[in-house]
Structure formats: C-alpha cells, structure tokens
Amino acid sequence: MEGTMETPKKRAPRKPASSSSRSTRTATTAARAAAPVEPTHEAIARRAYDLYVHAGGVHGRDVEFWLTAERELKGKRHA
C-alpha cells in the first residue's frame, strides 16, 4: 500500500448567504449573547473560596460564602 495517495476531494463552491439567512443568523447570535448564562459550579466554588480566604479562613460560613459568590457571579452575567 505504500506509494498510493488519494486525491483530495474538491468541494462545491458555496453560494453566498441570502440576506434573510444572514439576518436570521444575526438574530440567533444576538439571542445567545442576551441569554443569561449560569455560572459553573467550579466558578462559584473558586469565588466562594476566595471569599473564605479573604475573611481569614473563618469556618462555619461556607453557605454564606457560597451564596455570596453565586449572587456576585450571576449579577456579573446579567449586567
């Protein structure tokens, strides 16, 4: 099988997008940008840990730090 090479397949030229499909694509992109994106579990955990460290490593306030981190990150995404 050495020495055999397949020739690459040629693709048909793409037709230019019509203005209606372009506007639909733009509207879809805008809708995605406007849709709220929930912060990931990891992002909330990282921020909650930062709050914990900043508070001097105080134990027993984990729920408070978590809720504060969640609120902060969701606020940034909606702003």
Protein backbone atom coordinates (compact mmCIF):
# COMPACT_ATOMS: atom_id res chain seq x y z
CA MET A 1 0.00 0.00 0.00
CA GLU A 2 2.99 2.26 0.04
CA GLY A 3 3.06 4.92 -2.61
CA THR A 4 -0.69 5.12 -3.05
CA MET A 5 -2.16 8.50 -2.37
CA GLU A 6 -5.75 9.51 -2.61
CA THR A 7 -6.50 12.75 -4.36
CA PRO A 8 -8.30 15.25 -2.17
CA LYS A 9 -11.98 15.67 -2.93
CA LYS A 10 -12.99 19.05 -4.22
CA ARG A 11 -15.87 20.84 -2.57
CA ALA A 12 -18.53 22.60 -4.50
CA PRO A 13 -18.28 26.39 -4.19
CA ARG A 14 -20.53 27.83 -1.51
CA LYS A 15 -23.38 30.05 -2.51
CA PRO A 16 -23.42 33.47 -0.89
CA ALA A 17 -25.85 33.61 2.01
CA SER A 18 -29.09 35.35 1.27
CA SER A 19 -29.96 38.41 3.29
CA SER A 20 -32.78 36.56 5.08
CA SER A 21 -30.48 33.77 6.28
CA ARG A 22 -27.91 36.39 7.30
CA SER A 23 -30.46 38.27 9.40
CA THR A 24 -31.65 35.03 10.99
CA ARG A 25 -28.07 34.12 11.86
CA THR A 26 -27.51 37.60 13.33
CA ALA A 27 -30.71 37.37 15.37
CA THR A 28 -29.72 33.95 16.68
CA THR A 29 -26.27 35.21 17.65
CA ALA A 30 -27.79 38.22 19.41
CA ALA A 31 -30.24 35.99 21.28
CA ARG A 32 -27.39 33.79 22.51
CA ALA A 33 -25.46 36.83 23.70
CA ALA A 34 -28.52 38.17 25.54
CA ALA A 35 -29.43 34.81 27.11
CA PRO A 36 -28.26 34.57 30.71
CA VAL A 37 -25.51 32.03 31.23
CA GLU A 38 -25.41 30.41 34.62
CA PRO A 39 -22.02 30.41 36.34
CA THR A 40 -20.43 26.98 36.57
CA HIS A 41 -20.16 25.07 39.82
CA GLU A 42 -16.37 25.45 39.61
CA ALA A 43 -16.57 29.22 39.16
CA ILE A 44 -18.83 29.58 42.19
CA ALA A 45 -16.58 27.32 44.26
CA ARG A 46 -13.50 29.34 43.29
CA ARG A 47 -15.18 32.62 44.23
CA ALA A 48 -16.53 31.19 47.49
CA TYR A 49 -13.02 30.02 48.38
CA ASP A 50 -11.64 33.49 47.61
CA LEU A 51 -14.25 34.98 49.97
CA TYR A 52 -13.30 32.41 52.63
CA VAL A 53 -9.61 33.26 52.35
CA HIS A 54 -10.32 37.00 52.36
CA ALA A 55 -12.36 36.56 55.57
CA GLY A 56 -9.33 35.00 57.23
CA GLY A 57 -10.35 31.35 56.81
CA VAL A 58 -13.29 31.61 59.20
CA HIS A 59 -15.03 28.24 59.48
CA GLY A 60 -18.79 27.81 59.59
CA ARG A 61 -19.64 30.42 56.98
CA ASP A 62 -19.41 28.19 53.91
CA VAL A 63 -23.06 28.62 52.93
CA GLU A 64 -22.78 32.39 53.28
CA PHE A 65 -19.66 32.45 51.08
CA TRP A 66 -21.31 30.17 48.51
CA LEU A 67 -24.47 32.27 48.27
CA THR A 68 -22.47 35.49 48.05
CA ALA A 69 -20.28 34.05 45.30
CA GLU A 70 -23.33 32.80 43.41
CA ARG A 71 -25.06 36.17 43.69
CA GLU A 72 -21.94 38.05 42.55
CA LEU A 73 -21.32 35.82 39.54
CA LYS A 74 -24.95 35.80 38.43
CA GLY A 75 -25.03 39.58 38.79
CA LYS A 76 -22.00 39.96 36.53
CA ARG A 77 -23.58 37.78 33.85
CA HIS A 78 -26.87 39.69 33.87
CA ALA A 79 -25.27 43.14 33.87
